[in-house]
Amino acid sequence: QVQLVESGGGLVQAGGSLRLSCAASGRTFSSYGMGWFRQAPGKEREYVGAVTWSGSGTHYADSVKGRFTISRDNAKNTVYLQMNSLKPEDTAVYYCAASPRGSLLFINAKDYDYWGQGTQVTVSS
């Protein structure tokens, strides 16, 4: 019952910043926990971070901690991934995902029921 659409990807220089958006359909968005994942060519999908339904709880992978920030605006049915100090190794297709178990932070892709189509982020040196 939830559809997700990512946007905001593109080409950015190393050290730069980019903000991804994930727009969700439906009136139940505010009850969902949201996660961000990424997948580089030839690699498995990797957990990036997650936020609880209220936005009060967040968690990040060690690889992005201190550089990336997840936030959400439930009034707009949108979750954001602010990416700062980008590195070439951040290059990947970024996906957002939704879980009805919104009070928990999940790091495994299998715990998410709904996925967006992904948006490409390319970081050049």
N, C-alpha and C. Protein backbone atom coordinates (compact mmCIF):
# COMPACT_ATOMS: atom_id res chain seq x y z
N GLN A 1 0.81 -1.21 0.00
CA GLN A 1 0.00 0.00 0.00
C GLN A 1 0.85 1.26 0.00
N VAL A 2 2.16 1.11 0.02
CA VAL A 2 3.07 2.25 0.01
C VAL A 2 3.91 2.20 -1.25
N GLN A 3 4.00 3.33 -1.91
CA GLN A 3 4.88 3.48 -3.06
C GLN A 3 5.89 4.58 -2.76
N LEU A 4 7.13 4.34 -3.13
CA LEU A 4 8.21 5.25 -2.82
C LEU A 4 8.93 5.67 -4.09
N VAL A 5 9.28 6.94 -4.16
CA VAL A 5 9.98 7.48 -5.31
C VAL A 5 11.14 8.32 -4.83
N GLU A 6 12.36 7.90 -5.17
CA GLU A 6 13.55 8.66 -4.82
C GLU A 6 13.84 9.71 -5.88
N SER A 7 14.47 10.79 -5.45
CA SER A 7 14.92 11.82 -6.37
C SER A 7 16.10 12.55 -5.75
N GLY A 8 16.77 13.35 -6.55
CA GLY A 8 17.87 14.16 -6.06
C GLY A 8 19.24 13.64 -6.38
N GLY A 9 19.33 12.48 -6.99
CA GLY A 9 20.62 11.94 -7.36
C GLY A 9 21.24 12.72 -8.50
N GLY A 10 22.53 12.50 -8.69
CA GLY A 10 23.23 13.18 -9.76
C GLY A 10 24.72 13.04 -9.60
N LEU A 11 25.44 13.88 -10.32
CA LEU A 11 26.89 13.89 -10.32
C LEU A 11 27.39 15.02 -9.43
N VAL A 12 28.31 14.69 -8.53
CA VAL A 12 28.84 15.69 -7.61
C VAL A 12 30.33 15.45 -7.41
N GLN A 13 31.05 16.52 -7.15
CA GLN A 13 32.48 16.42 -6.89
C GLN A 13 32.75 15.87 -5.50
N ALA A 14 33.85 15.16 -5.35
CA ALA A 14 34.27 14.69 -4.03
C ALA A 14 34.38 15.87 -3.07
N GLY A 15 33.88 15.66 -1.86
CA GLY A 15 33.84 16.72 -0.87
C GLY A 15 32.57 17.54 -0.90
N GLY A 16 31.78 17.35 -1.92
CA GLY A 16 30.54 18.09 -2.06
C GLY A 16 29.39 17.46 -1.31
N SER A 17 28.22 18.04 -1.50
CA SER A 17 27.02 17.60 -0.79
C SER A 17 25.89 17.36 -1.77
N LEU A 18 24.98 16.52 -1.34
CA LEU A 18 23.81 16.19 -2.13
C LEU A 18 22.70 15.78 -1.18
N ARG A 19 21.48 16.16 -1.48
CA ARG A 19 20.34 15.74 -0.67
C ARG A 19 19.38 14.92 -1.50
N LEU A 20 19.15 13.70 -1.07
CA LEU A 20 18.19 12.82 -1.70
C LEU A 20 16.85 12.93 -1.01
N SER A 21 15.79 12.79 -1.78
CA SER A 21 14.45 12.80 -1.24
C SER A 21 13.76 11.50 -1.59
N CYS A 22 12.88 11.07 -0.72
CA CYS A 22 12.07 9.89 -0.95
C CYS A 22 10.63 10.25 -0.63
N ALA A 23 9.82 10.35 -1.65
CA ALA A 23 8.42 10.71 -1.49
C ALA A 23 7.57 9.45 -1.42
N ALA A 24 6.71 9.39 -0.43
CA ALA A 24 5.87 8.22 -0.21
C ALA A 24 4.41 8.54 -0.48
N SER A 25 3.71 7.56 -0.99
CA SER A 25 2.28 7.70 -1.22
C SER A 25 1.50 7.29 0.02
N GLY A 26 0.24 7.70 0.08
CA GLY A 26 -0.64 7.27 1.13
C GLY A 26 -0.61 8.13 2.37
N ARG A 27 -1.61 7.95 3.20
CA ARG A 27 -1.75 8.71 4.43
C ARG A 27 -1.14 8.02 5.63
N THR A 28 -0.58 6.83 5.43
CA THR A 28 -0.01 6.07 6.53
C THR A 28 1.50 6.22 6.66
N PHE A 29 2.09 7.11 5.87
CA PHE A 29 3.53 7.28 5.86
C PHE A 29 4.10 7.53 7.24
N SER A 30 3.41 8.34 8.03
CA SER A 30 3.96 8.74 9.32
C SER A 30 4.16 7.58 10.28
N SER A 31 3.51 6.46 10.05
CA SER A 31 3.66 5.31 10.92
C SER A 31 4.79 4.37 10.51
N TYR A 32 5.42 4.65 9.39
CA TYR A 32 6.46 3.76 8.85
C TYR A 32 7.85 4.20 9.26
N GLY A 33 8.65 3.20 9.58
CA GLY A 33 10.07 3.44 9.67
C GLY A 33 10.66 3.44 8.27
N MET A 34 11.69 4.23 8.07
CA MET A 34 12.29 4.38 6.76
C MET A 34 13.77 4.07 6.81
N GLY A 35 14.23 3.43 5.76
CA GLY A 35 15.64 3.12 5.64
C GLY A 35 16.20 3.56 4.31
N TRP A 36 17.49 3.80 4.28
CA TRP A 36 18.22 4.08 3.05
C TRP A 36 19.26 3.00 2.83
N PHE A 37 19.33 2.54 1.60
CA PHE A 37 20.32 1.55 1.19
C PHE A 37 20.98 2.03 -0.09
N ARG A 38 22.11 1.42 -0.41
CA ARG A 38 22.77 1.75 -1.66
C ARG A 38 23.41 0.50 -2.25
N GLN A 39 23.58 0.53 -3.56
CA GLN A 39 24.18 -0.59 -4.25
C GLN A 39 25.08 -0.08 -5.36
N ALA A 40 26.35 -0.40 -5.24
CA ALA A 40 27.33 -0.05 -6.26
C ALA A 40 27.43 -1.18 -7.28
N PRO A 41 27.90 -0.88 -8.49
CA PRO A 41 28.02 -1.92 -9.51
C PRO A 41 28.85 -3.10 -9.03
N GLY A 42 28.33 -4.30 -9.21
CA GLY A 42 29.04 -5.50 -8.84
C GLY A 42 29.07 -5.80 -7.35
N LYS A 43 28.35 -5.03 -6.54
CA LYS A 43 28.36 -5.22 -5.10
C LYS A 43 26.94 -5.47 -4.59
N GLU A 44 26.87 -6.02 -3.39
CA GLU A 44 25.59 -6.27 -2.76
C GLU A 44 25.00 -4.98 -2.22
N ARG A 45 23.70 -4.99 -2.03
CA ARG A 45 23.03 -3.85 -1.47
C ARG A 45 23.50 -3.62 -0.03
N GLU A 46 23.81 -2.39 0.28
CA GLU A 46 24.43 -2.02 1.54
C GLU A 46 23.53 -1.08 2.33
N TYR A 47 23.41 -1.35 3.61
CA TYR A 47 22.66 -0.48 4.51
C TYR A 47 23.36 0.85 4.69
N VAL A 48 22.60 1.93 4.66
CA VAL A 48 23.14 3.27 4.86
C VAL A 48 22.67 3.85 6.19
N GLY A 49 21.37 3.85 6.43
CA GLY A 49 20.85 4.41 7.66
C GLY A 49 19.35 4.23 7.74
N ALA A 50 18.79 4.57 8.90
CA ALA A 50 17.37 4.38 9.12
C ALA A 50 16.85 5.44 10.09
N VAL A 51 15.56 5.67 10.03
CA VAL A 51 14.89 6.62 10.92
C VAL A 51 13.56 6.04 11.34
N THR A 52 13.20 6.24 12.61
CA THR A 52 11.93 5.76 13.11
C THR A 52 10.79 6.62 12.59
N TRP A 53 9.57 6.19 12.88
CA TRP A 53 8.40 6.90 12.35
C TRP A 53 8.33 8.34 12.81
N SER A 54 8.79 8.61 14.02
CA SER A 54 8.71 9.95 14.57
C SER A 54 9.87 10.84 14.16
N GLY A 55 10.92 10.22 13.64
CA GLY A 55 12.12 10.96 13.32
C GLY A 55 13.05 11.16 14.49
N SER A 56 12.65 10.70 15.67
CA SER A 56 13.46 10.91 16.87
C SER A 56 14.59 9.91 17.00
N GLY A 57 14.50 8.79 16.31
CA GLY A 57 15.54 7.80 16.36
C GLY A 57 16.19 7.59 15.01
N THR A 58 17.50 7.66 14.97
CA THR A 58 18.24 7.43 13.74
C THR A 58 19.41 6.51 13.99
N HIS A 59 19.86 5.86 12.94
CA HIS A 59 21.01 4.99 13.01
C HIS A 59 21.71 5.03 11.66
N TYR A 60 23.04 4.92 11.68
CA TYR A 60 23.82 5.02 10.45
C TYR A 60 24.88 3.93 10.39
N ALA A 61 25.16 3.51 9.18
CA ALA A 61 26.29 2.63 8.97
C ALA A 61 27.58 3.36 9.30
N ASP A 62 28.57 2.61 9.76
CA ASP A 62 29.84 3.22 10.12
C ASP A 62 30.47 3.98 8.95
N SER A 63 30.23 3.50 7.75
CA SER A 63 30.85 4.09 6.57
C SER A 63 30.36 5.51 6.27
N VAL A 64 29.18 5.86 6.80
CA VAL A 64 28.62 7.17 6.51
C VAL A 64 28.39 8.01 7.75
N LYS A 65 28.57 7.44 8.91
CA LYS A 65 28.31 8.15 10.16
C LYS A 65 29.16 9.41 10.24
N GLY A 66 28.52 10.51 10.60
CA GLY A 66 29.19 11.79 10.68
C GLY A 66 29.14 12.58 9.39
N ARG A 67 28.78 11.94 8.30
CA ARG A 67 28.70 12.60 7.00
C ARG A 67 27.28 12.67 6.46
N PHE A 68 26.50 11.64 6.73
CA PHE A 68 25.13 11.57 6.23
C PHE A 68 24.14 11.81 7.36
N THR A 69 23.02 12.42 7.05
CA THR A 69 21.97 12.67 8.02
C THR A 69 20.62 12.34 7.41
N ILE A 70 19.84 11.55 8.13
CA ILE A 70 18.49 11.21 7.70
C ILE A 70 17.49 12.04 8.49
N SER A 71 16.52 12.58 7.79
CA SER A 71 15.44 13.31 8.43
C SER A 71 14.15 13.01 7.69
N ARG A 72 13.04 13.39 8.28
CA ARG A 72 11.76 13.17 7.62
C ARG A 72 10.80 14.30 7.93
N ASP A 73 9.92 14.52 6.99
CA ASP A 73 8.85 15.50 7.13
C ASP A 73 7.56 14.75 6.86
N ASN A 74 6.91 14.31 7.91
CA ASN A 74 5.71 13.49 7.74
C ASN A 74 4.56 14.26 7.12
N ALA A 75 4.52 15.57 7.31
CA ALA A 75 3.49 16.37 6.68
C ALA A 75 3.62 16.35 5.16
N LYS A 76 4.83 16.15 4.67
CA LYS A 76 5.08 16.07 3.23
C LYS A 76 5.27 14.65 2.73
N ASN A 77 5.12 13.67 3.62
CA ASN A 77 5.32 12.27 3.26
C ASN A 77 6.67 12.05 2.60
N THR A 78 7.69 12.66 3.17
CA THR A 78 9.01 12.63 2.54
C THR A 78 10.09 12.38 3.58
N VAL A 79 11.05 11.55 3.21
CA VAL A 79 12.24 11.32 4.01
C VAL A 79 13.44 11.79 3.20
N TYR A 80 14.44 12.32 3.88
CA TYR A 80 15.60 12.89 3.22
C TYR A 80 16.88 12.20 3.66
N LEU A 81 17.83 12.20 2.76
CA LEU A 81 19.18 11.76 3.07
C LEU A 81 20.12 12.88 2.66
N GLN A 82 20.61 13.61 3.65
CA GLN A 82 21.58 14.66 3.40
C GLN A 82 22.97 14.06 3.42
N MET A 83 23.69 14.18 2.33
CA MET A 83 25.00 13.58 2.18
C MET A 83 26.04 14.69 2.05
N ASN A 84 26.95 14.75 3.01
CA ASN A 84 28.02 15.73 3.01
C ASN A 84 29.36 15.03 2.91
N SER A 85 30.38 15.79 2.55
CA SER A 85 31.74 15.26 2.44
C SER A 85 31.77 13.99 1.62
N LEU A 86 31.14 14.04 0.48
CA LEU A 86 31.00 12.85 -0.35
C LEU A 86 32.34 12.37 -0.88
N LYS A 87 32.45 11.05 -0.97
CA LYS A 87 33.64 10.38 -1.45
C LYS A 87 33.30 9.56 -2.68
N PRO A 88 34.30 9.29 -3.53
CA PRO A 88 34.02 8.45 -4.70
C PRO A 88 33.41 7.10 -4.33
N GLU A 89 33.77 6.55 -3.19
CA GLU A 89 33.22 5.27 -2.77
C GLU A 89 31.75 5.34 -2.37
N ASP A 90 31.19 6.54 -2.30
CA ASP A 90 29.76 6.69 -2.07
C ASP A 90 28.95 6.51 -3.35
N THR A 91 29.62 6.40 -4.47
CA THR A 91 28.94 6.21 -5.74
C THR A 91 28.13 4.93 -5.72
N ALA A 92 26.84 5.05 -6.00
CA ALA A 92 25.94 3.90 -5.97
C ALA A 92 24.55 4.35 -6.38
N VAL A 93 23.68 3.39 -6.58
CA VAL A 93 22.26 3.66 -6.68
C VAL A 93 21.71 3.63 -5.26
N TYR A 94 21.03 4.68 -4.88
CA TYR A 94 20.49 4.81 -3.53
C TYR A 94 18.99 4.52 -3.53
N TYR A 95 18.58 3.69 -2.60
CA TYR A 95 17.19 3.26 -2.48
C TYR A 95 16.64 3.65 -1.11
N CYS A 96 15.39 4.07 -1.08
CA CYS A 96 14.70 4.19 0.20
C CYS A 96 13.74 3.03 0.35
N ALA A 97 13.43 2.70 1.58
CA ALA A 97 12.57 1.57 1.89
C ALA A 97 11.73 1.89 3.11
N ALA A 98 10.58 1.23 3.21
CA ALA A 98 9.63 1.50 4.28
C ALA A 98 9.26 0.21 5.01
N SER A 99 9.13 0.33 6.32
CA SER A 99 8.70 -0.77 7.17
C SER A 99 7.53 -0.33 8.03
N PRO A 100 6.45 -1.13 8.09
CA PRO A 100 5.33 -0.78 8.97
C PRO A 100 5.70 -0.77 10.45
N ARG A 101 6.78 -1.43 10.81
CA ARG A 101 7.23 -1.48 12.20
C ARG A 101 8.05 -0.23 12.49
N GLY A 102 7.34 0.87 12.57
CA GLY A 102 7.97 2.18 12.53
C GLY A 102 8.73 2.60 13.77
N SER A 103 8.56 1.90 14.87
CA SER A 103 9.26 2.28 16.09
C SER A 103 10.63 1.65 16.20
N LEU A 104 10.99 0.81 15.24
CA LEU A 104 12.26 0.10 15.27
C LEU A 104 13.16 0.54 14.14
N LEU A 105 14.45 0.36 14.35
CA LEU A 105 15.46 0.66 13.35
C LEU A 105 16.01 -0.65 12.79
N PHE A 106 15.76 -0.90 11.53
CA PHE A 106 16.19 -2.14 10.89
C PHE A 106 17.35 -1.87 9.95
N ILE A 107 18.33 -2.77 9.99
CA ILE A 107 19.50 -2.65 9.13
C ILE A 107 19.52 -3.69 8.02
N ASN A 108 18.59 -4.64 8.07
CA ASN A 108 18.53 -5.68 7.05
C ASN A 108 17.47 -5.34 6.02
N ALA A 109 17.82 -5.48 4.76
CA ALA A 109 16.90 -5.14 3.69
C ALA A 109 15.62 -5.97 3.75
N LYS A 110 15.72 -7.20 4.23
CA LYS A 110 14.57 -8.08 4.27
C LYS A 110 13.50 -7.62 5.24
N ASP A 111 13.83 -6.71 6.13
CA ASP A 111 12.87 -6.20 7.10
C ASP A 111 12.01 -5.07 6.55
N TYR A 112 12.29 -4.65 5.34
CA TYR A 112 11.53 -3.58 4.70
C TYR A 112 10.58 -4.15 3.66
N ASP A 113 9.35 -3.66 3.68
CA ASP A 113 8.31 -4.20 2.82
C ASP A 113 8.20 -3.48 1.48
N TYR A 114 8.59 -2.22 1.43
CA TYR A 114 8.38 -1.41 0.23
C TYR A 114 9.67 -0.71 -0.15
N TRP A 115 9.89 -0.62 -1.45
CA TRP A 115 11.13 -0.06 -1.98
C TRP A 115 10.87 0.91 -3.12
N GLY A 116 11.70 1.92 -3.20
CA GLY A 116 11.68 2.81 -4.34
C GLY A 116 12.49 2.24 -5.49
N GLN A 117 12.51 2.97 -6.59
CA GLN A 117 13.19 2.50 -7.80
C GLN A 117 14.68 2.81 -7.79
N GLY A 118 15.11 3.67 -6.91
CA GLY A 118 16.50 4.03 -6.80
C GLY A 118 16.85 5.29 -7.57
N THR A 119 17.87 5.98 -7.09
CA THR A 119 18.40 7.16 -7.78
C THR A 119 19.91 7.09 -7.77
N GLN A 120 20.52 7.40 -8.90
CA GLN A 120 21.96 7.26 -9.06
C GLN A 120 22.70 8.44 -8.45
N VAL A 121 23.69 8.13 -7.64
CA VAL A 121 24.61 9.13 -7.10
C VAL A 121 26.01 8.79 -7.58
N THR A 122 26.64 9.73 -8.25
CA THR A 122 27.99 9.53 -8.74
C THR A 122 28.89 10.63 -8.18
N VAL A 123 29.95 10.23 -7.51
CA VAL A 123 30.89 11.16 -6.90
C VAL A 123 32.21 11.07 -7.65
N SER A 124 32.62 12.16 -8.23
CA SER A 124 33.85 12.19 -9.00
C SER A 124 34.97 12.83 -8.20
N SER A 125 36.19 12.47 -8.52
CA SER A 125 37.36 13.04 -7.87
C SER A 125 38.01 14.10 -8.73
